[in-house]
Amino acid sequence: MTTWWLWLFILPWPFLFFFIGKEQKVSAGADWLAVSTRDYVKLYDLSKVTVHIDGVSHAIQLADTSGRSVRSRIGVLQLNHRLWDLVYNGILHSVHVNGAETNKRAREYLQLDHPPHLHNQ
């Protein structure tokens, strides 16, 4: 307590974590993904899926055929497994059925090169 300069190492951390902890708000429905309160895309109408390095994490950029676009860290989407399932299924459909454009990092990171096994009934 009497060594004042040690406080310089202790005090900044709570403020740093406060600002880092402010994540995007994401939500998804059966065929859409919303990032923040105003940006959304139709997951089964995606025209472009790209993954980029964003600091120490991966970010995904999704654009649909209507020109809407969203960007989010993949880790944020994967925090909610049900939400990620909806998003990933929409991405798979858009890439393998609709032919959405992808970059190399998206194909590798999301394992998009191998189409899902489809059963004909």
Protein backbone atom coordinates (compact mmCIF):
# COMPACT_ATOMS: atom_id res chain seq x y z
CA MET A 1 0.00 0.00 0.00
CA THR A 2 2.85 2.40 0.71
CA THR A 3 4.61 1.64 -2.58
CA TRP A 4 2.58 3.93 -4.83
CA TRP A 5 4.06 2.82 -8.16
CA LEU A 6 2.72 -0.75 -7.70
CA TRP A 7 -0.79 0.68 -8.10
CA LEU A 8 0.12 1.56 -11.70
CA PHE A 9 0.19 -2.19 -12.43
CA ILE A 10 -3.05 -2.96 -10.59
CA LEU A 11 -5.43 -0.11 -11.42
CA PRO A 12 -5.62 -0.24 -15.26
CA TRP A 13 -6.73 -3.91 -15.49
CA PRO A 14 -10.37 -3.58 -14.41
CA PHE A 15 -10.89 -0.76 -16.90
CA LEU A 16 -9.20 -2.70 -19.67
CA PHE A 17 -11.39 -5.77 -19.05
CA PHE A 18 -14.48 -3.57 -18.91
CA PHE A 19 -13.89 -2.28 -22.42
CA ILE A 20 -12.77 -5.63 -23.82
CA GLY A 21 -15.84 -7.29 -22.32
CA LYS A 22 -18.24 -5.13 -24.32
CA GLU A 23 -19.19 -7.62 -27.02
CA GLN A 24 -21.61 -7.35 -29.87
CA LYS A 25 -25.18 -8.37 -29.37
CA VAL A 26 -26.05 -11.20 -31.73
CA SER A 27 -29.29 -13.05 -32.33
CA ALA A 28 -30.49 -15.54 -34.90
CA GLY A 29 -33.69 -17.05 -36.18
CA ALA A 30 -34.32 -20.00 -38.43
CA ASP A 31 -32.98 -18.15 -41.48
CA TRP A 32 -31.39 -14.88 -40.30
CA LEU A 33 -28.51 -13.55 -38.20
CA ALA A 34 -28.55 -10.11 -36.58
CA VAL A 35 -25.44 -8.39 -35.26
CA SER A 36 -26.13 -5.31 -33.11
CA THR A 37 -29.67 -4.00 -33.41
CA ARG A 38 -29.85 -2.95 -37.04
CA ASP A 39 -27.62 -5.19 -39.16
CA TYR A 40 -28.83 -8.60 -40.30
CA VAL A 41 -28.42 -11.10 -43.15
CA LYS A 42 -30.51 -13.93 -44.53
CA LEU A 43 -28.44 -17.05 -43.81
CA TYR A 44 -29.84 -19.18 -46.64
CA ASP A 45 -29.32 -16.36 -49.18
CA LEU A 46 -25.65 -15.60 -48.55
CA SER A 47 -23.62 -14.51 -51.55
CA LYS A 48 -20.25 -14.18 -49.79
CA VAL A 49 -18.66 -15.77 -46.71
CA THR A 50 -15.20 -14.62 -45.68
CA VAL A 51 -13.11 -15.22 -42.57
CA HIS A 52 -10.40 -12.78 -41.49
CA ILE A 53 -7.91 -12.53 -38.64
CA ASP A 54 -9.15 -9.92 -36.16
CA GLY A 55 -6.41 -9.42 -33.58
CA VAL A 56 -6.03 -12.77 -31.84
CA SER A 57 -9.35 -14.18 -33.06
CA HIS A 58 -11.14 -14.97 -36.31
CA ALA A 59 -13.91 -12.75 -37.63
CA ILE A 60 -16.54 -13.74 -40.17
CA GLN A 61 -18.04 -11.42 -42.76
CA LEU A 62 -21.37 -12.51 -44.24
CA ALA A 63 -23.11 -10.78 -47.15
CA ASP A 64 -26.47 -11.79 -48.59
CA THR A 65 -27.95 -11.42 -52.06
CA SER A 66 -29.89 -8.30 -50.99
CA GLY A 67 -26.64 -6.43 -50.25
CA ARG A 68 -26.87 -6.64 -46.45
CA SER A 69 -23.70 -7.49 -44.55
CA VAL A 70 -22.64 -8.34 -40.99
CA ARG A 71 -19.30 -8.97 -39.35
CA SER A 72 -18.67 -10.68 -36.02
CA ARG A 73 -15.99 -12.63 -34.21
CA ILE A 74 -16.58 -16.33 -34.66
CA GLY A 75 -15.95 -16.95 -30.96
CA VAL A 76 -18.84 -14.63 -30.07
CA LEU A 77 -21.18 -16.63 -32.32
CA GLN A 78 -19.93 -19.95 -30.95
CA LEU A 79 -20.63 -18.98 -27.32
CA ASN A 80 -24.25 -19.99 -27.91
CA HIS A 81 -24.22 -23.46 -29.47
CA ARG A 82 -27.79 -23.25 -30.77
CA LEU A 83 -27.12 -19.89 -32.40
CA TRP A 84 -23.91 -21.22 -33.98
CA ASP A 85 -25.78 -24.28 -35.31
CA LEU A 86 -28.30 -22.01 -37.06
CA VAL A 87 -25.55 -19.83 -38.51
CA TYR A 88 -23.33 -22.71 -39.63
CA ASN A 89 -26.21 -24.59 -41.27
CA GLY A 90 -27.12 -21.45 -43.21
CA ILE A 91 -23.50 -21.00 -44.27
CA LEU A 92 -23.25 -24.62 -45.43
CA HIS A 93 -26.46 -24.31 -47.44
CA SER A 94 -25.42 -21.03 -49.03
CA VAL A 95 -21.99 -22.37 -49.99
CA HIS A 96 -22.89 -25.87 -51.18
CA VAL A 97 -26.36 -25.31 -52.63
CA ASN A 98 -26.35 -21.65 -53.69
CA GLY A 99 -22.64 -21.37 -54.54
CA ALA A 100 -21.79 -18.49 -52.20
CA GLU A 101 -18.30 -17.06 -52.72
CA THR A 102 -15.73 -17.88 -50.02
CA ASN A 103 -12.12 -17.05 -49.31
CA LYS A 104 -9.43 -19.64 -48.53
CA ARG A 105 -9.44 -18.91 -44.80
CA ALA A 106 -13.23 -19.46 -44.63
CA ARG A 107 -12.96 -22.78 -46.47
CA GLU A 108 -10.19 -23.97 -44.16
CA TYR A 109 -11.36 -22.57 -40.82
CA LEU A 110 -15.02 -23.51 -41.29
CA GLN A 111 -14.16 -26.74 -43.15
CA LEU A 112 -16.31 -25.81 -46.15
CA ASP A 113 -14.37 -27.75 -48.80
CA HIS A 114 -16.18 -30.99 -48.07
CA PRO A 115 -19.89 -30.81 -48.83
CA PRO A 116 -22.20 -32.23 -46.20
CA HIS A 117 -23.32 -35.80 -46.75
CA LEU A 118 -26.76 -35.62 -48.35
CA HIS A 119 -29.12 -38.56 -48.38
CA ASN A 120 -31.52 -39.00 -51.28
CA GLN A 121 -34.85 -40.33 -50.15
